[in-house]
N, C-alpha and C. Protein backbone atom coordinates (compact mmCIF):
# COMPACT_ATOMS: atom_id res chain seq x y z
N MET A 1 205.81 18.46 -70.61
CA MET A 1 205.45 19.77 -69.95
C MET A 1 206.25 20.93 -70.54
N SER A 2 205.65 22.04 -70.79
CA SER A 2 206.53 23.35 -71.19
C SER A 2 207.17 23.70 -70.23
N GLU A 3 208.00 24.78 -70.46
CA GLU A 3 208.59 25.57 -69.24
C GLU A 3 207.77 26.39 -68.38
N GLU A 4 206.82 26.76 -69.16
CA GLU A 4 205.78 28.08 -68.45
C GLU A 4 205.04 27.08 -67.42
N THR A 5 205.06 25.95 -67.31
CA THR A 5 204.01 25.27 -66.51
C THR A 5 204.79 24.45 -65.34
N ARG A 6 206.03 24.46 -65.49
CA ARG A 6 206.98 23.65 -64.65
C ARG A 6 206.91 24.62 -63.22
N VAL A 7 206.93 23.57 -61.97
CA VAL A 7 206.97 24.33 -60.73
C VAL A 7 208.27 23.78 -60.14
N SER A 8 208.90 24.55 -59.48
CA SER A 8 210.25 24.29 -59.14
C SER A 8 210.02 23.60 -57.68
N LYS A 9 210.76 22.71 -57.13
CA LYS A 9 210.70 21.95 -55.80
C LYS A 9 210.48 23.12 -54.74
N ALA A 10 211.19 24.25 -54.71
CA ALA A 10 211.07 25.31 -53.80
C ALA A 10 209.71 25.71 -53.89
N GLN A 11 209.07 26.30 -55.11
CA GLN A 11 207.60 26.46 -55.30
C GLN A 11 206.70 25.41 -54.53
N GLN A 12 206.85 24.24 -55.15
CA GLN A 12 205.86 23.18 -54.38
C GLN A 12 205.96 23.13 -52.94
N LYS A 13 207.35 23.08 -52.46
CA LYS A 13 207.54 22.96 -51.05
C LYS A 13 206.82 24.23 -50.23
N ALA A 14 206.82 25.36 -50.79
CA ALA A 14 206.18 26.75 -50.39
C ALA A 14 204.64 26.33 -50.39
N VAL A 15 204.14 25.84 -51.53
CA VAL A 15 202.73 25.79 -51.73
C VAL A 15 202.04 24.69 -50.58
N ASN A 16 202.93 23.48 -50.50
CA ASN A 16 202.43 22.65 -49.48
C ASN A 16 202.45 23.00 -48.22
N LYS A 17 203.49 23.96 -47.72
CA LYS A 17 203.56 24.46 -46.31
C LYS A 17 202.37 25.34 -46.28
N TYR A 18 201.93 26.29 -47.22
CA TYR A 18 200.88 27.13 -47.31
C TYR A 18 199.57 26.33 -46.80
N VAL A 19 199.43 25.28 -47.66
CA VAL A 19 198.09 24.61 -47.36
C VAL A 19 198.11 23.89 -46.25
N LYS A 20 199.29 23.25 -45.80
CA LYS A 20 199.32 22.69 -44.44
C LYS A 20 198.81 23.40 -43.30
N SER A 21 199.29 24.75 -43.45
CA SER A 21 199.20 25.78 -42.41
C SER A 21 197.48 26.49 -42.30
N ASN A 22 197.10 26.32 -43.36
CA ASN A 22 195.65 26.69 -43.75
C ASN A 22 194.62 26.33 -43.92
N TYR A 23 194.74 24.83 -44.15
CA TYR A 23 193.53 24.33 -44.65
C TYR A 23 193.55 22.85 -43.85
N ASP A 24 192.44 22.16 -43.50
CA ASP A 24 192.23 21.20 -43.18
C ASP A 24 191.94 20.12 -44.21
N ARG A 25 192.48 18.67 -43.97
CA ARG A 25 192.27 17.90 -45.26
C ARG A 25 191.59 16.75 -44.36
N ILE A 26 190.41 16.17 -45.14
CA ILE A 26 189.57 15.13 -45.04
C ILE A 26 189.42 14.24 -45.97
N ASN A 27 189.67 12.86 -46.00
CA ASN A 27 189.67 11.90 -46.63
C ASN A 27 188.20 11.39 -46.79
N VAL A 28 187.46 11.09 -47.90
CA VAL A 28 186.16 10.84 -47.95
C VAL A 28 186.16 9.60 -49.01
N THR A 29 185.45 8.40 -48.55
CA THR A 29 185.38 7.39 -49.62
C THR A 29 184.06 7.35 -49.95
N PHE A 30 183.85 6.81 -51.18
CA PHE A 30 182.47 6.67 -51.97
C PHE A 30 182.51 5.22 -52.38
N PRO A 31 181.35 4.68 -52.55
CA PRO A 31 181.23 3.39 -53.31
C PRO A 31 181.75 3.44 -54.64
N LYS A 32 182.30 2.25 -55.06
CA LYS A 32 182.67 2.35 -56.60
C LYS A 32 181.70 2.82 -57.61
N GLY A 33 182.34 3.86 -58.29
CA GLY A 33 181.27 4.19 -59.58
C GLY A 33 180.70 5.77 -59.27
N GLN A 34 180.64 6.17 -57.93
CA GLN A 34 180.09 7.30 -57.23
C GLN A 34 180.98 8.20 -57.92
N LYS A 35 182.40 8.15 -57.69
CA LYS A 35 183.30 9.19 -58.07
C LYS A 35 183.19 9.90 -59.36
N GLU A 36 182.74 8.99 -60.28
CA GLU A 36 182.44 9.53 -61.77
C GLU A 36 181.23 10.29 -61.62
N ILE A 37 180.39 9.98 -61.01
CA ILE A 37 179.14 10.50 -60.99
C ILE A 37 179.01 11.93 -60.56
N ILE A 38 179.93 12.09 -59.36
CA ILE A 38 180.13 13.23 -58.66
C ILE A 38 181.08 14.24 -59.47
N MET A 39 182.15 13.51 -60.49
CA MET A 39 182.80 14.28 -61.04
C MET A 39 182.00 14.98 -62.36
N LEU A 40 181.11 14.03 -62.91
CA LEU A 40 180.18 14.50 -64.01
C LEU A 40 179.33 15.78 -63.37
N ALA A 41 178.56 15.57 -62.12
CA ALA A 41 177.73 16.53 -61.57
C ALA A 41 178.50 17.89 -61.52
N ALA A 42 179.64 17.70 -60.94
CA ALA A 42 180.46 18.92 -60.61
C ALA A 42 180.85 19.75 -61.88
N THR A 43 181.33 18.91 -63.01
CA THR A 43 181.45 19.53 -64.13
C THR A 43 180.24 20.21 -64.71
N ALA A 44 179.17 19.57 -64.65
CA ALA A 44 177.77 20.07 -65.12
C ALA A 44 177.69 21.58 -64.40
N ALA A 45 178.01 21.52 -63.24
CA ALA A 45 177.69 22.70 -62.35
C ALA A 45 178.74 23.82 -62.57
N GLY A 46 179.83 23.32 -63.25
CA GLY A 46 180.95 24.55 -63.57
C GLY A 46 181.77 24.48 -62.50
N GLU A 47 181.84 23.52 -61.67
CA GLU A 47 182.76 23.43 -60.62
C GLU A 47 183.68 22.31 -60.43
N SER A 48 184.79 22.58 -59.75
CA SER A 48 185.58 21.50 -59.33
C SER A 48 184.97 20.55 -58.39
N VAL A 49 185.44 19.27 -58.29
CA VAL A 49 184.93 18.39 -57.44
C VAL A 49 184.96 18.78 -55.95
N ASN A 50 186.11 19.35 -55.68
CA ASN A 50 186.40 19.91 -54.24
C ASN A 50 185.37 21.00 -53.88
N SER A 51 184.92 21.85 -54.88
CA SER A 51 184.12 22.91 -54.60
C SER A 51 182.74 22.57 -54.40
N TYR A 52 182.49 21.56 -55.29
CA TYR A 52 181.16 20.96 -55.37
C TYR A 52 180.89 20.09 -54.04
N ILE A 53 181.65 19.24 -53.70
CA ILE A 53 181.50 18.65 -52.15
C ILE A 53 181.47 19.71 -51.12
N LYS A 54 182.41 20.69 -51.28
CA LYS A 54 182.21 21.60 -50.15
C LYS A 54 180.83 22.32 -49.94
N LYS A 55 180.51 22.63 -51.37
CA LYS A 55 179.27 23.40 -51.24
C LYS A 55 178.04 22.66 -50.71
N ALA A 56 178.06 21.11 -50.92
CA ALA A 56 177.02 20.26 -50.55
C ALA A 56 177.16 20.09 -49.18
N VAL A 57 178.31 19.92 -48.53
CA VAL A 57 178.38 20.03 -47.20
C VAL A 57 177.81 21.37 -46.27
N ASP A 58 178.24 22.33 -47.04
CA ASP A 58 177.78 23.65 -46.34
C ASP A 58 176.28 23.97 -46.40
N GLN A 59 175.69 23.45 -47.41
CA GLN A 59 174.23 23.51 -47.61
C GLN A 59 173.69 22.54 -46.79
N ARG A 60 174.04 21.23 -46.47
CA ARG A 60 173.36 20.52 -45.60
C ARG A 60 173.47 21.09 -44.09
N MET A 61 174.89 21.39 -43.76
CA MET A 61 174.91 21.85 -42.29
C MET A 61 174.09 23.30 -42.15
N GLU A 62 173.93 23.84 -43.13
CA GLU A 62 173.02 25.22 -42.99
C GLU A 62 171.53 24.81 -42.80
N ARG A 63 171.15 23.62 -43.68
CA ARG A 63 169.82 23.19 -43.52
C ARG A 63 169.57 22.59 -42.32
N ASP A 64 170.36 21.68 -41.71
CA ASP A 64 170.25 20.97 -40.62
C ASP A 64 170.30 22.08 -39.31
N ASN A 65 171.05 23.02 -39.33
CA ASN A 65 171.13 23.98 -38.13
C ASN A 65 170.18 25.08 -38.31
N ALA A 66 169.16 25.21 -39.20
CA ALA A 66 168.26 26.07 -39.51
C ALA A 66 166.94 25.72 -38.51
């Protein structure tokens, strides 16, 4: 790892504190093999897996509440 990409323990602690106070975490499980399919779909859409799943949930909630 190069010097430019190293993160100090203090930096990581600050990031973890920020994430903990500003985000909720949900663990989701999928059947074996589904993870790779989701990863490929997210990549094809030009998104991270997290944003891909968040968008899917948002779209479903919007559709169901309409």
